[in-house]
Amino acid sequence: MPVVNMLEAKTNLSKLVDAVESGAEEEVIIARNGKPAAKLVQLDAQPKKQRQLGFLAGTYPPMDFEGFQAMDAEIEKMFIGEEARPEEE
């Protein structure tokens, strides 16, 4: 795992990317003022998250058109400040 400074990374970015892509280097650390600042890794090396379609199916009850329209009025009241507020005593 080579560590390169910013100037070297700017100058040799294509070579560094080629080295990581080809597998010659697993990762390259880019340092700023002698301290590690970034890591260059092959994109495919990152694990892919499995997406699950329909994971929220059945979580929310189905809504008919009238119910959907009623929500519009309720949301509008919230925006203009007409929402029922608890009475102050």
N, C-alpha and C. Protein backbone atom coordinates (compact mmCIF):
# COMPACT_ATOMS: atom_id res chain seq x y z
N MET A 1 0.85 -1.17 0.00
CA MET A 1 0.00 0.00 0.00
C MET A 1 0.90 1.23 0.00
N PRO A 2 1.13 1.79 -1.18
CA PRO A 2 1.97 2.98 -1.25
C PRO A 2 1.27 4.22 -0.71
N VAL A 3 2.05 5.11 -0.15
CA VAL A 3 1.55 6.40 0.31
C VAL A 3 2.21 7.45 -0.56
N VAL A 4 1.38 8.29 -1.20
CA VAL A 4 1.91 9.34 -2.07
C VAL A 4 1.40 10.69 -1.57
N ASN A 5 2.19 11.74 -1.83
CA ASN A 5 1.75 13.07 -1.41
C ASN A 5 0.84 13.67 -2.49
N MET A 6 0.22 14.78 -2.20
CA MET A 6 -0.74 15.40 -3.10
C MET A 6 -0.13 15.72 -4.47
N LEU A 7 1.06 16.30 -4.47
CA LEU A 7 1.69 16.67 -5.73
C LEU A 7 1.93 15.45 -6.60
N GLU A 8 2.44 14.39 -5.99
CA GLU A 8 2.68 13.15 -6.73
C GLU A 8 1.37 12.55 -7.23
N ALA A 9 0.33 12.63 -6.42
CA ALA A 9 -0.98 12.11 -6.82
C ALA A 9 -1.53 12.90 -8.01
N LYS A 10 -1.40 14.23 -7.97
CA LYS A 10 -1.87 15.06 -9.08
C LYS A 10 -1.09 14.73 -10.36
N THR A 11 0.22 14.60 -10.22
CA THR A 11 1.08 14.36 -11.37
C THR A 11 0.85 12.99 -11.97
N ASN A 12 0.65 11.98 -11.13
CA ASN A 12 0.58 10.59 -11.59
C ASN A 12 -0.78 9.95 -11.37
N LEU A 13 -1.84 10.73 -11.38
CA LEU A 13 -3.15 10.18 -11.08
C LEU A 13 -3.52 9.04 -12.03
N SER A 14 -3.29 9.21 -13.32
CA SER A 14 -3.63 8.15 -14.28
C SER A 14 -2.87 6.86 -13.97
N LYS A 15 -1.60 6.98 -13.64
CA LYS A 15 -0.79 5.80 -13.33
C LYS A 15 -1.27 5.14 -12.04
N LEU A 16 -1.63 5.95 -11.06
CA LEU A 16 -2.13 5.40 -9.80
C LEU A 16 -3.45 4.67 -10.00
N VAL A 17 -4.34 5.26 -10.79
CA VAL A 17 -5.63 4.61 -11.08
C VAL A 17 -5.39 3.32 -11.85
N ASP A 18 -4.49 3.34 -12.83
CA ASP A 18 -4.17 2.12 -13.58
C ASP A 18 -3.65 1.02 -12.66
N ALA A 19 -2.78 1.39 -11.72
CA ALA A 19 -2.22 0.41 -10.79
C ALA A 19 -3.30 -0.22 -9.92
N VAL A 20 -4.24 0.58 -9.49
CA VAL A 20 -5.33 0.06 -8.65
C VAL A 20 -6.28 -0.78 -9.50
N GLU A 21 -6.60 -0.30 -10.70
CA GLU A 21 -7.51 -1.03 -11.59
C GLU A 21 -6.96 -2.39 -11.99
N SER A 22 -5.67 -2.43 -12.29
CA SER A 22 -5.06 -3.68 -12.75
C SER A 22 -4.83 -4.67 -11.62
N GLY A 23 -4.91 -4.20 -10.40
CA GLY A 23 -4.67 -5.07 -9.26
C GLY A 23 -3.22 -5.08 -8.81
N ALA A 24 -2.37 -4.29 -9.47
CA ALA A 24 -0.97 -4.19 -9.06
C ALA A 24 -0.87 -3.62 -7.64
N GLU A 25 -1.78 -2.73 -7.32
CA GLU A 25 -1.88 -2.17 -5.97
C GLU A 25 -3.33 -2.34 -5.51
N GLU A 26 -3.51 -2.79 -4.28
CA GLU A 26 -4.87 -2.94 -3.75
C GLU A 26 -5.47 -1.58 -3.43
N GLU A 27 -4.63 -0.70 -2.89
CA GLU A 27 -5.07 0.66 -2.57
C GLU A 27 -3.88 1.58 -2.55
N VAL A 28 -4.13 2.86 -2.74
CA VAL A 28 -3.10 3.89 -2.67
C VAL A 28 -3.59 4.95 -1.70
N ILE A 29 -2.76 5.28 -0.73
CA ILE A 29 -3.09 6.31 0.25
C ILE A 29 -2.51 7.63 -0.23
N ILE A 30 -3.34 8.67 -0.23
CA ILE A 30 -2.89 10.01 -0.61
C ILE A 30 -2.79 10.84 0.66
N ALA A 31 -1.61 11.41 0.87
CA ALA A 31 -1.34 12.15 2.10
C ALA A 31 -1.26 13.65 1.82
N ARG A 32 -1.69 14.41 2.81
CA ARG A 32 -1.56 15.87 2.76
C ARG A 32 -0.76 16.26 3.99
N ASN A 33 0.34 16.97 3.77
CA ASN A 33 1.24 17.38 4.86
C ASN A 33 1.68 16.18 5.70
N GLY A 34 1.92 15.05 5.02
CA GLY A 34 2.43 13.87 5.71
C GLY A 34 1.38 13.04 6.42
N LYS A 35 0.12 13.48 6.39
CA LYS A 35 -0.94 12.74 7.07
C LYS A 35 -1.90 12.15 6.03
N PRO A 36 -2.30 10.89 6.19
CA PRO A 36 -3.23 10.28 5.24
C PRO A 36 -4.52 11.09 5.14
N ALA A 37 -4.93 11.38 3.88
CA ALA A 37 -6.13 12.20 3.66
C ALA A 37 -7.19 11.46 2.84
N ALA A 38 -6.75 10.54 1.97
CA ALA A 38 -7.71 9.84 1.11
C ALA A 38 -7.15 8.49 0.73
N LYS A 39 -8.06 7.61 0.32
CA LYS A 39 -7.66 6.27 -0.10
C LYS A 39 -8.23 6.01 -1.49
N LEU A 40 -7.38 5.59 -2.41
CA LEU A 40 -7.79 5.26 -3.76
C LEU A 40 -7.91 3.75 -3.85
N VAL A 41 -9.13 3.26 -4.09
CA VAL A 41 -9.37 1.82 -4.18
C VAL A 41 -10.15 1.52 -5.45
N GLN A 42 -10.08 0.28 -5.88
CA GLN A 42 -10.83 -0.14 -7.05
C GLN A 42 -12.31 -0.14 -6.71
N LEU A 43 -13.12 0.38 -7.60
CA LEU A 43 -14.55 0.51 -7.34
C LEU A 43 -15.20 -0.84 -7.12
N ASP A 44 -14.85 -1.83 -7.88
CA ASP A 44 -15.44 -3.16 -7.73
C ASP A 44 -15.06 -3.82 -6.42
N ALA A 45 -14.03 -3.33 -5.75
CA ALA A 45 -13.59 -3.92 -4.49
C ALA A 45 -14.57 -3.63 -3.36
N GLN A 46 -15.42 -2.63 -3.54
CA GLN A 46 -16.39 -2.30 -2.50
C GLN A 46 -17.56 -3.27 -2.59
N PRO A 47 -18.01 -3.79 -1.46
CA PRO A 47 -19.14 -4.73 -1.50
C PRO A 47 -20.41 -4.03 -1.97
N LYS A 48 -21.16 -4.73 -2.80
CA LYS A 48 -22.41 -4.17 -3.30
C LYS A 48 -23.52 -4.55 -2.34
N LYS A 49 -24.36 -3.58 -2.02
CA LYS A 49 -25.50 -3.85 -1.15
C LYS A 49 -26.62 -4.45 -1.99
N GLN A 50 -27.18 -5.51 -1.50
CA GLN A 50 -28.29 -6.14 -2.20
C GLN A 50 -29.56 -5.33 -1.97
N ARG A 51 -30.21 -4.93 -3.03
CA ARG A 51 -31.45 -4.17 -2.90
C ARG A 51 -32.63 -5.13 -2.91
N GLN A 52 -33.54 -4.88 -2.03
CA GLN A 52 -34.72 -5.73 -1.93
C GLN A 52 -35.93 -4.91 -2.34
N LEU A 53 -36.57 -5.35 -3.41
CA LEU A 53 -37.75 -4.64 -3.88
C LEU A 53 -38.95 -4.99 -3.02
N GLY A 54 -39.76 -4.01 -2.76
CA GLY A 54 -41.00 -4.23 -2.04
C GLY A 54 -40.83 -4.47 -0.56
N PHE A 55 -39.73 -4.03 0.04
CA PHE A 55 -39.51 -4.31 1.46
C PHE A 55 -40.50 -3.56 2.36
N LEU A 56 -41.17 -2.56 1.84
CA LEU A 56 -42.18 -1.84 2.63
C LEU A 56 -43.60 -2.28 2.29
N ALA A 57 -43.73 -3.29 1.44
CA ALA A 57 -45.07 -3.75 1.04
C ALA A 57 -45.84 -4.19 2.27
N GLY A 58 -47.06 -3.69 2.38
CA GLY A 58 -47.91 -4.06 3.50
C GLY A 58 -47.68 -3.24 4.76
N THR A 59 -46.69 -2.38 4.76
CA THR A 59 -46.40 -1.56 5.93
C THR A 59 -47.44 -0.47 6.12
N TYR A 60 -47.85 0.12 5.03
CA TYR A 60 -48.82 1.20 5.08
C TYR A 60 -50.13 0.73 4.46
N PRO A 61 -51.26 1.12 5.05
CA PRO A 61 -52.54 0.67 4.49
C PRO A 61 -52.78 1.32 3.13
N PRO A 62 -53.49 0.63 2.25
CA PRO A 62 -53.80 1.24 0.95
C PRO A 62 -54.69 2.46 1.14
N MET A 63 -54.53 3.44 0.25
CA MET A 63 -55.29 4.68 0.39
C MET A 63 -56.10 4.92 -0.88
N ASP A 64 -57.36 5.24 -0.71
CA ASP A 64 -58.19 5.55 -1.86
C ASP A 64 -58.02 7.02 -2.24
N PHE A 65 -58.60 7.41 -3.34
CA PHE A 65 -58.43 8.77 -3.85
C PHE A 65 -58.96 9.81 -2.88
N GLU A 66 -60.11 9.54 -2.26
CA GLU A 66 -60.69 10.51 -1.33
C GLU A 66 -59.78 10.71 -0.11
N GLY A 67 -59.21 9.65 0.38
CA GLY A 67 -58.28 9.75 1.51
C GLY A 67 -57.04 10.54 1.15
N PHE A 68 -56.57 10.33 -0.06
CA PHE A 68 -55.40 11.06 -0.54
C PHE A 68 -55.70 12.54 -0.65
N GLN A 69 -56.86 12.88 -1.20
CA GLN A 69 -57.27 14.28 -1.33
C GLN A 69 -57.45 14.92 0.04
N ALA A 70 -57.97 14.19 1.02
CA ALA A 70 -58.17 14.72 2.37
C ALA A 70 -56.82 15.09 2.99
N MET A 71 -55.79 14.33 2.67
CA MET A 71 -54.46 14.65 3.20
C MET A 71 -53.98 15.99 2.67
N ASP A 72 -54.33 16.33 1.42
CA ASP A 72 -53.93 17.62 0.86
C ASP A 72 -54.46 18.76 1.71
N ALA A 73 -55.72 18.69 2.11
CA ALA A 73 -56.31 19.75 2.92
C ALA A 73 -55.63 19.82 4.28
N GLU A 74 -55.33 18.66 4.86
CA GLU A 74 -54.67 18.62 6.17
C GLU A 74 -53.28 19.23 6.09
N ILE A 75 -52.54 18.90 5.05
CA ILE A 75 -51.19 19.45 4.87
C ILE A 75 -51.26 20.95 4.63
N GLU A 76 -52.23 21.39 3.84
CA GLU A 76 -52.39 22.82 3.58
C GLU A 76 -52.63 23.59 4.88
N LYS A 77 -53.45 23.04 5.76
CA LYS A 77 -53.71 23.69 7.05
C LYS A 77 -52.42 23.80 7.87
N MET A 78 -51.57 22.79 7.80
CA MET A 78 -50.30 22.84 8.54
C MET A 78 -49.42 23.98 8.03
N PHE A 79 -49.42 24.19 6.71
CA PHE A 79 -48.57 25.22 6.14
C PHE A 79 -49.06 26.62 6.47
N ILE A 80 -50.35 26.81 6.51
CA ILE A 80 -50.86 28.17 6.77
C ILE A 80 -51.14 28.41 8.24
N GLY A 81 -50.82 27.43 9.09
CA GLY A 81 -50.91 27.64 10.52
C GLY A 81 -52.27 27.42 11.12
N GLU A 82 -53.12 26.68 10.48
CA GLU A 82 -54.45 26.44 11.02
C GLU A 82 -54.56 25.08 11.68
N GLU A 83 -53.43 24.46 11.93
CA GLU A 83 -53.46 23.14 12.57
C GLU A 83 -53.95 23.30 14.01
N ALA A 84 -54.74 22.36 14.45
CA ALA A 84 -55.25 22.41 15.82
C ALA A 84 -54.07 22.33 16.78
N ARG A 85 -53.99 23.31 17.66
CA ARG A 85 -52.90 23.35 18.63
C ARG A 85 -53.48 23.12 20.02
N PRO A 86 -52.69 22.52 20.90
CA PRO A 86 -53.19 22.34 22.27
C PRO A 86 -53.43 23.71 22.91
N GLU A 87 -54.51 23.81 23.64
CA GLU A 87 -54.86 25.08 24.27
C GLU A 87 -53.89 25.41 25.40
N GLU A 88 -53.50 26.67 25.44
CA GLU A 88 -52.60 27.12 26.51
C GLU A 88 -53.44 27.50 27.72
N GLU A 89 -52.96 27.13 28.86
CA GLU A 89 -53.71 27.44 30.09
C GLU A 89 -53.01 28.49 30.90
